[in-house]
Amino acid sequence: AEKGYWVFRMGKAVHKPLITDKYRIV
């Protein structure tokens, strides 16, 4: 994200959320 990329955490069912408050990380 610091390099300017967006990141999409994929999955249809997952055990834990990806917790960040950074813009571009979904």
mmCIF file of all heavy atoms, coordinates in Angstrom:
data_MODEL
# 
_entry.id   MODEL 
# 
loop_
_atom_site.group_PDB 
_atom_site.id 
_atom_site.type_symbol 
_atom_site.label_atom_id 
_atom_site.label_alt_id 
_atom_site.label_comp_id 
_atom_site.label_asym_id 
_atom_site.label_entity_id 
_atom_site.label_seq_id 
_atom_site.pdbx_PDB_ins_code 
_atom_site.Cartn_x 
_atom_site.Cartn_y 
_atom_site.Cartn_z 
_atom_site.occupancy 
_atom_site.B_iso_or_equiv 
_atom_site.pdbx_formal_charge 
_atom_site.auth_seq_id 
_atom_site.auth_comp_id 
_atom_site.auth_asym_id 
_atom_site.auth_atom_id 
_atom_site.pdbx_PDB_model_num 
ATOM 1   N N   . ALA A 1 1  ? 0.833   -1.210  0.000  1.00 0.00 ? 1  ALA A N   1 
ATOM 2   C CA  . ALA A 1 1  ? 0.000   0.000   0.000  1.00 0.00 ? 1  ALA A CA  1 
ATOM 3   C C   . ALA A 1 1  ? 0.862   1.253   0.000  1.00 0.00 ? 1  ALA A C   1 
ATOM 4   O O   . ALA A 1 1  ? 0.530   2.256   -0.652 1.00 0.00 ? 1  ALA A O   1 
ATOM 5   C CB  . ALA A 1 1  ? -0.938  -0.015  1.208  1.00 0.00 ? 1  ALA A CB  1 
ATOM 6   N N   . GLU A 1 2  ? 1.976   1.219   0.738  1.00 0.00 ? 2  GLU A N   1 
ATOM 7   C CA  . GLU A 1 2  ? 2.896   2.352   0.758  1.00 0.00 ? 2  GLU A CA  1 
ATOM 8   C C   . GLU A 1 2  ? 3.471   2.620   -0.629 1.00 0.00 ? 2  GLU A C   1 
ATOM 9   O O   . GLU A 1 2  ? 3.816   3.755   -0.962 1.00 0.00 ? 2  GLU A O   1 
ATOM 10  C CB  . GLU A 1 2  ? 4.024   2.095   1.753  1.00 0.00 ? 2  GLU A CB  1 
ATOM 11  C CG  . GLU A 1 2  ? 3.596   2.185   3.217  1.00 0.00 ? 2  GLU A CG  1 
ATOM 12  C CD  . GLU A 1 2  ? 3.191   3.590   3.625  1.00 0.00 ? 2  GLU A CD  1 
ATOM 13  O OE1 . GLU A 1 2  ? 3.735   4.555   3.049  1.00 0.00 ? 2  GLU A OE1 1 
ATOM 14  O OE2 . GLU A 1 2  ? 2.313   3.732   4.504  1.00 0.00 ? 2  GLU A OE2 1 
ATOM 15  N N   . LYS A 1 3  ? 3.573   1.593   -1.449 1.00 0.00 ? 3  LYS A N   1 
ATOM 16  C CA  . LYS A 1 3  ? 4.074   1.752   -2.814 1.00 0.00 ? 3  LYS A CA  1 
ATOM 17  C C   . LYS A 1 3  ? 2.985   2.188   -3.787 1.00 0.00 ? 3  LYS A C   1 
ATOM 18  O O   . LYS A 1 3  ? 3.240   2.332   -4.982 1.00 0.00 ? 3  LYS A O   1 
ATOM 19  C CB  . LYS A 1 3  ? 4.713   0.436   -3.291 1.00 0.00 ? 3  LYS A CB  1 
ATOM 20  C CG  . LYS A 1 3  ? 6.098   0.182   -2.710 1.00 0.00 ? 3  LYS A CG  1 
ATOM 21  C CD  . LYS A 1 3  ? 6.667   -1.115  -3.258 1.00 0.00 ? 3  LYS A CD  1 
ATOM 22  C CE  . LYS A 1 3  ? 8.151   -1.212  -2.955 1.00 0.00 ? 3  LYS A CE  1 
ATOM 23  N NZ  . LYS A 1 3  ? 8.961   -0.295  -3.791 1.00 0.00 ? 3  LYS A NZ  1 
ATOM 24  N N   . GLY A 1 4  ? 1.759   2.337   -3.288 1.00 0.00 ? 4  GLY A N   1 
ATOM 25  C CA  . GLY A 1 4  ? 0.671   2.830   -4.128 1.00 0.00 ? 4  GLY A CA  1 
ATOM 26  C C   . GLY A 1 4  ? -0.287  1.771   -4.625 1.00 0.00 ? 4  GLY A C   1 
ATOM 27  O O   . GLY A 1 4  ? -1.235  2.088   -5.353 1.00 0.00 ? 4  GLY A O   1 
ATOM 28  N N   . TYR A 1 5  ? -0.076  0.511   -4.247 1.00 0.00 ? 5  TYR A N   1 
ATOM 29  C CA  . TYR A 1 5  ? -0.981  -0.550  -4.691 1.00 0.00 ? 5  TYR A CA  1 
ATOM 30  C C   . TYR A 1 5  ? -2.203  -0.635  -3.780 1.00 0.00 ? 5  TYR A C   1 
ATOM 31  O O   . TYR A 1 5  ? -2.115  -0.374  -2.583 1.00 0.00 ? 5  TYR A O   1 
ATOM 32  C CB  . TYR A 1 5  ? -0.268  -1.912  -4.662 1.00 0.00 ? 5  TYR A CB  1 
ATOM 33  C CG  . TYR A 1 5  ? 0.866   -2.039  -5.646 1.00 0.00 ? 5  TYR A CG  1 
ATOM 34  C CD1 . TYR A 1 5  ? 2.171   -1.778  -5.251 1.00 0.00 ? 5  TYR A CD1 1 
ATOM 35  C CD2 . TYR A 1 5  ? 0.633   -2.433  -6.955 1.00 0.00 ? 5  TYR A CD2 1 
ATOM 36  C CE1 . TYR A 1 5  ? 3.224   -1.886  -6.144 1.00 0.00 ? 5  TYR A CE1 1 
ATOM 37  C CE2 . TYR A 1 5  ? 1.678   -2.542  -7.860 1.00 0.00 ? 5  TYR A CE2 1 
ATOM 38  C CZ  . TYR A 1 5  ? 2.969   -2.271  -7.453 1.00 0.00 ? 5  TYR A CZ  1 
ATOM 39  O OH  . TYR A 1 5  ? 4.001   -2.372  -8.346 1.00 0.00 ? 5  TYR A OH  1 
ATOM 40  N N   . TRP A 1 6  ? -3.305  -1.032  -4.369 1.00 0.00 ? 6  TRP A N   1 
ATOM 41  C CA  . TRP A 1 6  ? -4.434  -1.497  -3.585 1.00 0.00 ? 6  TRP A CA  1 
ATOM 42  C C   . TRP A 1 6  ? -4.206  -2.983  -3.309 1.00 0.00 ? 6  TRP A C   1 
ATOM 43  O O   . TRP A 1 6  ? -3.557  -3.674  -4.092 1.00 0.00 ? 6  TRP A O   1 
ATOM 44  C CB  . TRP A 1 6  ? -5.746  -1.324  -4.352 1.00 0.00 ? 6  TRP A CB  1 
ATOM 45  C CG  . TRP A 1 6  ? -6.246  0.084   -4.432 1.00 0.00 ? 6  TRP A CG  1 
ATOM 46  C CD1 . TRP A 1 6  ? -5.658  1.126   -5.081 1.00 0.00 ? 6  TRP A CD1 1 
ATOM 47  C CD2 . TRP A 1 6  ? -7.437  0.602   -3.842 1.00 0.00 ? 6  TRP A CD2 1 
ATOM 48  N NE1 . TRP A 1 6  ? -6.397  2.266   -4.945 1.00 0.00 ? 6  TRP A NE1 1 
ATOM 49  C CE2 . TRP A 1 6  ? -7.514  1.967   -4.180 1.00 0.00 ? 6  TRP A CE2 1 
ATOM 50  C CE3 . TRP A 1 6  ? -8.449  0.053   -3.067 1.00 0.00 ? 6  TRP A CE3 1 
ATOM 51  C CZ2 . TRP A 1 6  ? -8.554  2.780   -3.770 1.00 0.00 ? 6  TRP A CZ2 1 
ATOM 52  C CZ3 . TRP A 1 6  ? -9.503  0.860   -2.654 1.00 0.00 ? 6  TRP A CZ3 1 
ATOM 53  C CH2 . TRP A 1 6  ? -9.541  2.215   -2.996 1.00 0.00 ? 6  TRP A CH2 1 
ATOM 54  N N   . VAL A 1 7  ? -4.757  -3.477  -2.208 1.00 0.00 ? 7  VAL A N   1 
ATOM 55  C CA  . VAL A 1 7  ? -4.675  -4.898  -1.882 1.00 0.00 ? 7  VAL A CA  1 
ATOM 56  C C   . VAL A 1 7  ? -6.073  -5.395  -1.517 1.00 0.00 ? 7  VAL A C   1 
ATOM 57  O O   . VAL A 1 7  ? -6.735  -4.821  -0.644 1.00 0.00 ? 7  VAL A O   1 
ATOM 58  C CB  . VAL A 1 7  ? -3.706  -5.171  -0.713 1.00 0.00 ? 7  VAL A CB  1 
ATOM 59  C CG1 . VAL A 1 7  ? -3.662  -6.670  -0.405 1.00 0.00 ? 7  VAL A CG1 1 
ATOM 60  C CG2 . VAL A 1 7  ? -2.301  -4.663  -1.038 1.00 0.00 ? 7  VAL A CG2 1 
ATOM 61  N N   . PHE A 1 8  ? -6.513  -6.446  -2.202 1.00 0.00 ? 8  PHE A N   1 
ATOM 62  C CA  . PHE A 1 8  ? -7.792  -7.085  -1.895 1.00 0.00 ? 8  PHE A CA  1 
ATOM 63  C C   . PHE A 1 8  ? -7.529  -8.431  -1.241 1.00 0.00 ? 8  PHE A C   1 
ATOM 64  O O   . PHE A 1 8  ? -6.931  -9.313  -1.869 1.00 0.00 ? 8  PHE A O   1 
ATOM 65  C CB  . PHE A 1 8  ? -8.632  -7.285  -3.164 1.00 0.00 ? 8  PHE A CB  1 
ATOM 66  C CG  . PHE A 1 8  ? -9.114  -6.007  -3.784 1.00 0.00 ? 8  PHE A CG  1 
ATOM 67  C CD1 . PHE A 1 8  ? -8.400  -5.398  -4.802 1.00 0.00 ? 8  PHE A CD1 1 
ATOM 68  C CD2 . PHE A 1 8  ? -10.287 -5.409  -3.339 1.00 0.00 ? 8  PHE A CD2 1 
ATOM 69  C CE1 . PHE A 1 8  ? -8.838  -4.214  -5.378 1.00 0.00 ? 8  PHE A CE1 1 
ATOM 70  C CE2 . PHE A 1 8  ? -10.732 -4.217  -3.915 1.00 0.00 ? 8  PHE A CE2 1 
ATOM 71  C CZ  . PHE A 1 8  ? -10.004 -3.619  -4.940 1.00 0.00 ? 8  PHE A CZ  1 
ATOM 72  N N   . ARG A 1 9  ? -7.945  -8.574  0.001  1.00 0.00 ? 9  ARG A N   1 
ATOM 73  C CA  . ARG A 1 9  ? -7.830  -9.870  0.679  1.00 0.00 ? 9  ARG A CA  1 
ATOM 74  C C   . ARG A 1 9  ? -9.005  -10.728 0.197  1.00 0.00 ? 9  ARG A C   1 
ATOM 75  O O   . ARG A 1 9  ? -10.169 -10.440 0.471  1.00 0.00 ? 9  ARG A O   1 
ATOM 76  C CB  . ARG A 1 9  ? -7.878  -9.677  2.195  1.00 0.00 ? 9  ARG A CB  1 
ATOM 77  C CG  . ARG A 1 9  ? -7.610  -10.963 3.003  1.00 0.00 ? 9  ARG A CG  1 
ATOM 78  C CD  . ARG A 1 9  ? -8.854  -11.822 3.223  1.00 0.00 ? 9  ARG A CD  1 
ATOM 79  N NE  . ARG A 1 9  ? -8.612  -12.944 4.089  1.00 0.00 ? 9  ARG A NE  1 
ATOM 80  C CZ  . ARG A 1 9  ? -8.873  -12.965 5.382  1.00 0.00 ? 9  ARG A CZ  1 
ATOM 81  N NH1 . ARG A 1 9  ? -9.408  -11.918 5.956  1.00 0.00 ? 9  ARG A NH1 1 
ATOM 82  N NH2 . ARG A 1 9  ? -8.601  -14.045 6.097  1.00 0.00 ? 9  ARG A NH2 1 
ATOM 83  N N   . MET A 1 10 ? -8.707  -11.810 -0.506 1.00 0.00 ? 10 MET A N   1 
ATOM 84  C CA  . MET A 1 10 ? -9.721  -12.614 -1.157 1.00 0.00 ? 10 MET A CA  1 
ATOM 85  C C   . MET A 1 10 ? -10.209 -13.734 -0.241 1.00 0.00 ? 10 MET A C   1 
ATOM 86  O O   . MET A 1 10 ? -9.600  -14.055 0.773  1.00 0.00 ? 10 MET A O   1 
ATOM 87  C CB  . MET A 1 10 ? -9.161  -13.200 -2.458 1.00 0.00 ? 10 MET A CB  1 
ATOM 88  C CG  . MET A 1 10 ? -8.553  -12.186 -3.417 1.00 0.00 ? 10 MET A CG  1 
ATOM 89  S SD  . MET A 1 10 ? -9.739  -10.945 -3.982 1.00 0.00 ? 10 MET A SD  1 
ATOM 90  C CE  . MET A 1 10 ? -10.846 -11.972 -4.963 1.00 0.00 ? 10 MET A CE  1 
ATOM 91  N N   . GLY A 1 11 ? -11.312 -14.376 -0.663 1.00 0.00 ? 11 GLY A N   1 
ATOM 92  C CA  . GLY A 1 11 ? -11.847 -15.524 0.049  1.00 0.00 ? 11 GLY A CA  1 
ATOM 93  C C   . GLY A 1 11 ? -13.362 -15.494 0.111  1.00 0.00 ? 11 GLY A C   1 
ATOM 94  O O   . GLY A 1 11 ? -13.971 -14.429 0.178  1.00 0.00 ? 11 GLY A O   1 
ATOM 95  N N   . LYS A 1 12 ? -13.952 -16.673 0.082  1.00 0.00 ? 12 LYS A N   1 
ATOM 96  C CA  . LYS A 1 12 ? -15.407 -16.780 0.206  1.00 0.00 ? 12 LYS A CA  1 
ATOM 97  C C   . LYS A 1 12 ? -15.818 -17.052 1.656  1.00 0.00 ? 12 LYS A C   1 
ATOM 98  O O   . LYS A 1 12 ? -16.904 -16.669 2.083  1.00 0.00 ? 12 LYS A O   1 
ATOM 99  C CB  . LYS A 1 12 ? -15.925 -17.895 -0.698 1.00 0.00 ? 12 LYS A CB  1 
ATOM 100 C CG  . LYS A 1 12 ? -17.441 -18.001 -0.758 1.00 0.00 ? 12 LYS A CG  1 
ATOM 101 C CD  . LYS A 1 12 ? -17.897 -18.916 -1.872 1.00 0.00 ? 12 LYS A CD  1 
ATOM 102 C CE  . LYS A 1 12 ? -19.414 -18.927 -1.978 1.00 0.00 ? 12 LYS A CE  1 
ATOM 103 N NZ  . LYS A 1 12 ? -19.893 -19.691 -3.147 1.00 0.00 ? 12 LYS A NZ  1 
ATOM 104 N N   . ALA A 1 13 ? -14.947 -17.735 2.387  1.00 0.00 ? 13 ALA A N   1 
ATOM 105 C CA  . ALA A 1 13 ? -15.151 -17.969 3.819  1.00 0.00 ? 13 ALA A CA  1 
ATOM 106 C C   . ALA A 1 13 ? -13.781 -17.978 4.467  1.00 0.00 ? 13 ALA A C   1 
ATOM 107 O O   . ALA A 1 13 ? -12.880 -18.677 4.008  1.00 0.00 ? 13 ALA A O   1 
ATOM 108 C CB  . ALA A 1 13 ? -15.864 -19.294 4.053  1.00 0.00 ? 13 ALA A CB  1 
ATOM 109 N N   . VAL A 1 14 ? -13.598 -17.203 5.517  1.00 0.00 ? 14 VAL A N   1 
ATOM 110 C CA  . VAL A 1 14 ? -12.300 -17.105 6.195  1.00 0.00 ? 14 VAL A CA  1 
ATOM 111 C C   . VAL A 1 14 ? -12.528 -17.086 7.707  1.00 0.00 ? 14 VAL A C   1 
ATOM 112 O O   . VAL A 1 14 ? -13.574 -16.664 8.183  1.00 0.00 ? 14 VAL A O   1 
ATOM 113 C CB  . VAL A 1 14 ? -11.517 -15.845 5.761  1.00 0.00 ? 14 VAL A CB  1 
ATOM 114 C CG1 . VAL A 1 14 ? -11.148 -15.921 4.289  1.00 0.00 ? 14 VAL A CG1 1 
ATOM 115 C CG2 . VAL A 1 14 ? -12.321 -14.576 6.042  1.00 0.00 ? 14 VAL A CG2 1 
ATOM 116 N N   . HIS A 1 15 ? -11.534 -17.541 8.444  1.00 0.00 ? 15 HIS A N   1 
ATOM 117 C CA  . HIS A 1 15 ? -11.666 -17.601 9.900  1.00 0.00 ? 15 HIS A CA  1 
ATOM 118 C C   . HIS A 1 15 ? -11.498 -16.234 10.569 1.00 0.00 ? 15 HIS A C   1 
ATOM 119 O O   . HIS A 1 15 ? -12.188 -15.930 11.540 1.00 0.00 ? 15 HIS A O   1 
ATOM 120 C CB  . HIS A 1 15 ? -10.639 -18.570 10.480 1.00 0.00 ? 15 HIS A CB  1 
ATOM 121 C CG  . HIS A 1 15 ? -11.011 -20.004 10.325 1.00 0.00 ? 15 HIS A CG  1 
ATOM 122 N ND1 . HIS A 1 15 ? -12.235 -20.509 10.690 1.00 0.00 ? 15 HIS A ND1 1 
ATOM 123 C CD2 . HIS A 1 15 ? -10.301 -21.068 9.838  1.00 0.00 ? 15 HIS A CD2 1 
ATOM 124 C CE1 . HIS A 1 15 ? -12.279 -21.799 10.449 1.00 0.00 ? 15 HIS A CE1 1 
ATOM 125 N NE2 . HIS A 1 15 ? -11.127 -22.168 9.928  1.00 0.00 ? 15 HIS A NE2 1 
ATOM 126 N N   . LYS A 1 16 ? -10.573 -15.419 10.048 1.00 0.00 ? 16 LYS A N   1 
ATOM 127 C CA  . LYS A 1 16 ? -10.238 -14.164 10.724 1.00 0.00 ? 16 LYS A CA  1 
ATOM 128 C C   . LYS A 1 16 ? -10.259 -13.006 9.737  1.00 0.00 ? 16 LYS A C   1 
ATOM 129 O O   . LYS A 1 16 ? -9.900  -13.167 8.573  1.00 0.00 ? 16 LYS A O   1 
ATOM 130 C CB  . LYS A 1 16 ? -8.839  -14.262 11.340 1.00 0.00 ? 16 LYS A CB  1 
ATOM 131 C CG  . LYS A 1 16 ? -8.707  -15.280 12.447 1.00 0.00 ? 16 LYS A CG  1 
ATOM 132 C CD  . LYS A 1 16 ? -7.250  -15.432 12.875 1.00 0.00 ? 16 LYS A CD  1 
ATOM 133 C CE  . LYS A 1 16 ? -6.695  -14.156 13.467 1.00 0.00 ? 16 LYS A CE  1 
ATOM 134 N NZ  . LYS A 1 16 ? -5.297  -14.336 13.961 1.00 0.00 ? 16 LYS A NZ  1 
ATOM 135 N N   . PRO A 1 17 ? -10.654 -11.827 10.188 1.00 0.00 ? 17 PRO A N   1 
ATOM 136 C CA  . PRO A 1 17 ? -10.580 -10.645 9.322  1.00 0.00 ? 17 PRO A CA  1 
ATOM 137 C C   . PRO A 1 17 ? -9.145  -10.160 9.180  1.00 0.00 ? 17 PRO A C   1 
ATOM 138 O O   . PRO A 1 17 ? -8.278  -10.487 9.996  1.00 0.00 ? 17 PRO A O   1 
ATOM 139 C CB  . PRO A 1 17 ? -11.427 -9.621  10.078 1.00 0.00 ? 17 PRO A CB  1 
ATOM 140 C CG  . PRO A 1 17 ? -11.282 -10.003 11.514 1.00 0.00 ? 17 PRO A CG  1 
ATOM 141 C CD  . PRO A 1 17 ? -11.206 -11.504 11.527 1.00 0.00 ? 17 PRO A CD  1 
ATOM 142 N N   . LEU A 1 18 ? -8.896  -9.406  8.125  1.00 0.00 ? 18 LEU A N   1 
ATOM 143 C CA  . LEU A 1 18 ? -7.622  -8.705  7.962  1.00 0.00 ? 18 LEU A CA  1 
ATOM 144 C C   . LEU A 1 18 ? -7.845  -7.294  8.490  1.00 0.00 ? 18 LEU A C   1 
ATOM 145 O O   . LEU A 1 18 ? -8.549  -6.495  7.875  1.00 0.00 ? 18 LEU A O   1 
ATOM 146 C CB  . LEU A 1 18 ? -7.208  -8.667  6.495  1.00 0.00 ? 18 LEU A CB  1 
ATOM 147 C CG  . LEU A 1 18 ? -5.963  -7.837  6.161  1.00 0.00 ? 18 LEU A CG  1 
ATOM 148 C CD1 . LEU A 1 18 ? -4.733  -8.421  6.850  1.00 0.00 ? 18 LEU A CD1 1 
ATOM 149 C CD2 . LEU A 1 18 ? -5.751  -7.767  4.644  1.00 0.00 ? 18 LEU A CD2 1 
ATOM 150 N N   . ILE A 1 19 ? -7.274  -6.999  9.626  1.00 0.00 ? 19 ILE A N   1 
ATOM 151 C CA  . ILE A 1 19 ? -7.547  -5.730  10.300 1.00 0.00 ? 19 ILE A CA  1 
ATOM 152 C C   . ILE A 1 19 ? -6.419  -4.735  10.056 1.00 0.00 ? 19 ILE A C   1 
ATOM 153 O O   . ILE A 1 19 ? -5.283  -4.933  10.503 1.00 0.00 ? 19 ILE A O   1 
ATOM 154 C CB  . ILE A 1 19 ? -7.729  -5.947  11.817 1.00 0.00 ? 19 ILE A CB  1 
ATOM 155 C CG1 . ILE A 1 19 ? -8.892  -6.918  12.071 1.00 0.00 ? 19 ILE A CG1 1 
ATOM 156 C CG2 . ILE A 1 19 ? -7.979  -4.614  12.523 1.00 0.00 ? 19 ILE A CG2 1 
ATOM 157 C CD1 . ILE A 1 19 ? -9.059  -7.299  13.533 1.00 0.00 ? 19 ILE A CD1 1 
ATOM 158 N N   . THR A 1 20 ? -6.709  -3.701  9.305  1.00 0.00 ? 20 THR A N   1 
ATOM 159 C CA  . THR A 1 20 ? -5.805  -2.564  9.130  1.00 0.00 ? 20 THR A CA  1 
ATOM 160 C C   . THR A 1 20 ? -6.674  -1.326  8.954  1.00 0.00 ? 20 THR A C   1 
ATOM 161 O O   . THR A 1 20 ? -7.842  -1.424  8.566  1.00 0.00 ? 20 THR A O   1 
ATOM 162 C CB  . THR A 1 20 ? -4.881  -2.698  7.898  1.00 0.00 ? 20 THR A CB  1 
ATOM 163 O OG1 . THR A 1 20 ? -5.648  -2.468  6.714  1.00 0.00 ? 20 THR A OG1 1 
ATOM 164 C CG2 . THR A 1 20 ? -4.220  -4.069  7.820  1.00 0.00 ? 20 THR A CG2 1 
ATOM 165 N N   . ASP A 1 21 ? -6.111  -0.170  9.216  1.00 0.00 ? 21 ASP A N   1 
ATOM 166 C CA  . ASP A 1 21 ? -6.849  1.072   8.977  1.00 0.00 ? 21 ASP A CA  1 
ATOM 167 C C   . ASP A 1 21 ? -6.249  1.826   7.796  1.00 0.00 ? 21 ASP A C   1 
ATOM 168 O O   . ASP A 1 21 ? -6.471  3.023   7.638  1.00 0.00 ? 21 ASP A O   1 
ATOM 169 C CB  . ASP A 1 21 ? -6.860  1.949   10.231 1.00 0.00 ? 21 ASP A CB  1 
ATOM 170 C CG  . ASP A 1 21 ? -5.450  2.278   10.713 1.00 0.00 ? 21 ASP A CG  1 
ATOM 171 O OD1 . ASP A 1 21 ? -4.474  1.842   10.061 1.00 0.00 ? 21 ASP A OD1 1 
ATOM 172 O OD2 . ASP A 1 21 ? -5.329  2.962   11.743 1.00 0.00 ? 21 ASP A OD2 1 
ATOM 173 N N   . LYS A 1 22 ? -5.499  1.108   6.977  1.00 0.00 ? 22 LYS A N   1 
ATOM 174 C CA  . LYS A 1 22 ? -4.785  1.732   5.858  1.00 0.00 ? 22 LYS A CA  1 
ATOM 175 C C   . LYS A 1 22 ? -5.697  1.836   4.642  1.00 0.00 ? 22 LYS A C   1 
ATOM 176 O O   . LYS A 1 22 ? -6.334  0.858   4.232  1.00 0.00 ? 22 LYS A O   1 
ATOM 177 C CB  . LYS A 1 22 ? -3.541  0.909   5.514  1.00 0.00 ? 22 LYS A CB  1 
ATOM 178 C CG  . LYS A 1 22 ? -2.673  1.504   4.432  1.00 0.00 ? 22 LYS A CG  1 
ATOM 179 C CD  . LYS A 1 22 ? -1.925  2.718   4.929  1.00 0.00 ? 22 LYS A CD  1 
ATOM 180 C CE  . LYS A 1 22 ? -0.954  3.229   3.866  1.00 0.00 ? 22 LYS A CE  1 
ATOM 181 N NZ  . LYS A 1 22 ? -0.229  4.428   4.319  1.00 0.00 ? 22 LYS A NZ  1 
ATOM 182 N N   . TYR A 1 23 ? -5.721  3.005   4.067  1.00 0.00 ? 23 TYR A N   1 
ATOM 183 C CA  . TYR A 1 23 ? -6.436  3.222   2.807  1.00 0.00 ? 23 TYR A CA  1 
ATOM 184 C C   . TYR A 1 23 ? -5.815  2.324   1.733  1.00 0.00 ? 23 TYR A C   1 
ATOM 185 O O   . TYR A 1 23 ? -4.613  2.122   1.705  1.00 0.00 ? 23 TYR A O   1 
ATOM 186 C CB  . TYR A 1 23 ? -6.310  4.694   2.419  1.00 0.00 ? 23 TYR A CB  1 
ATOM 187 C CG  . TYR A 1 23 ? -6.912  5.069   1.085  1.00 0.00 ? 23 TYR A CG  1 
ATOM 188 C CD1 . TYR A 1 23 ? -8.267  4.888   0.837  1.00 0.00 ? 23 TYR A CD1 1 
ATOM 189 C CD2 . TYR A 1 23 ? -6.120  5.610   0.073  1.00 0.00 ? 23 TYR A CD2 1 
ATOM 190 C CE1 . TYR A 1 23 ? -8.828  5.253   -0.369 1.00 0.00 ? 23 TYR A CE1 1 
ATOM 191 C CE2 . TYR A 1 23 ? -6.666  5.977   -1.138 1.00 0.00 ? 23 TYR A CE2 1 
ATOM 192 C CZ  . TYR A 1 23 ? -8.024  5.785   -1.362 1.00 0.00 ? 23 TYR A CZ  1 
ATOM 193 O OH  . TYR A 1 23 ? -8.571  6.148   -2.573 1.00 0.00 ? 23 TYR A OH  1 
ATOM 194 N N   . ARG A 1 24 ? -6.616  1.782   0.876  1.00 0.00 ? 24 ARG A N   1 
ATOM 195 C CA  . ARG A 1 24 ? -6.247  0.904   -0.224 1.00 0.00 ? 24 ARG A CA  1 
ATOM 196 C C   . ARG A 1 24 ? -6.216  -0.581  0.161  1.00 0.00 ? 24 ARG A C   1 
ATOM 197 O O   . ARG A 1 24 ? -6.088  -1.423  -0.713 1.00 0.00 ? 24 ARG A O   1 
ATOM 198 C CB  . ARG A 1 24 ? -4.886  1.249   -0.864 1.00 0.00 ? 24 ARG A CB  1 
ATOM 199 C CG  . ARG A 1 24 ? -4.771  2.616   -1.501 1.00 0.00 ? 24 ARG A CG  1 
ATOM 200 C CD  . ARG A 1 24 ? -3.513  2.685   -2.368 1.00 0.00 ? 24 ARG A CD  1 
ATOM 201 N NE  . ARG A 1 24 ? -3.258  4.014   -2.874 1.00 0.00 ? 24 ARG A NE  1 
ATOM 202 C CZ  . ARG A 1 24 ? -2.458  4.891   -2.280 1.00 0.00 ? 24 ARG A CZ  1 
ATOM 203 N NH1 . ARG A 1 24 ? -1.820  4.541   -1.180 1.00 0.00 ? 24 ARG A NH1 1 
ATOM 204 N NH2 . ARG A 1 24 ? -2.279  6.087   -2.784 1.00 0.00 ? 24 ARG A NH2 1 
ATOM 205 N N   . ILE A 1 25 ? -6.314  -0.914  1.434  1.00 0.00 ? 25 ILE A N   1 
ATOM 206 C CA  . ILE A 1 25 ? -6.340  -2.324  1.834  1.00 0.00 ? 25 ILE A CA  1 
ATOM 207 C C   . ILE A 1 25 ? -7.787  -2.710  2.134  1.00 0.00 ? 25 ILE A C   1 
ATOM 208 O O   . ILE A 1 25 ? -8.417  -2.155  3.026  1.00 0.00 ? 25 ILE A O   1 
ATOM 209 C CB  . ILE A 1 25 ? -5.438  -2.576  3.054  1.00 0.00 ? 25 ILE A CB  1 
ATOM 210 C CG1 . ILE A 1 25 ? -3.990  -2.213  2.717  1.00 0.00 ? 25 ILE A CG1 1 
ATOM 211 C CG2 . ILE A 1 25 ? -5.534  -4.034  3.500  1.00 0.00 ? 25 ILE A CG2 1 
ATOM 212 C CD1 . ILE A 1 25 ? -3.042  -2.319  3.901  1.00 0.00 ? 25 ILE A CD1 1 
ATOM 213 N N   . VAL A 1 26 ? -8.307  -3.665  1.370  1.00 0.00 ? 26 VAL A N   1 
ATOM 214 C CA  . VAL A 1 26 ? -9.728  -4.011  1.434  1.00 0.00 ? 26 VAL A CA  1 
ATOM 215 C C   . VAL A 1 26 ? -9.883  -5.474  1.863  1.00 0.00 ? 26 VAL A C   1 
ATOM 216 O O   . VAL A 1 26 ? -9.377  -6.380  1.196  1.00 0.00 ? 26 VAL A O   1 
ATOM 217 C CB  . VAL A 1 26 ? -10.402 -3.807  0.058  1.00 0.00 ? 26 VAL A CB  1 
ATOM 218 C CG1 . VAL A 1 26 ? -11.888 -4.142  0.142  1.00 0.00 ? 26 VAL A CG1 1 
ATOM 219 C CG2 . VAL A 1 26 ? -10.198 -2.381  -0.444 1.00 0.00 ? 26 VAL A CG2 1 
# 
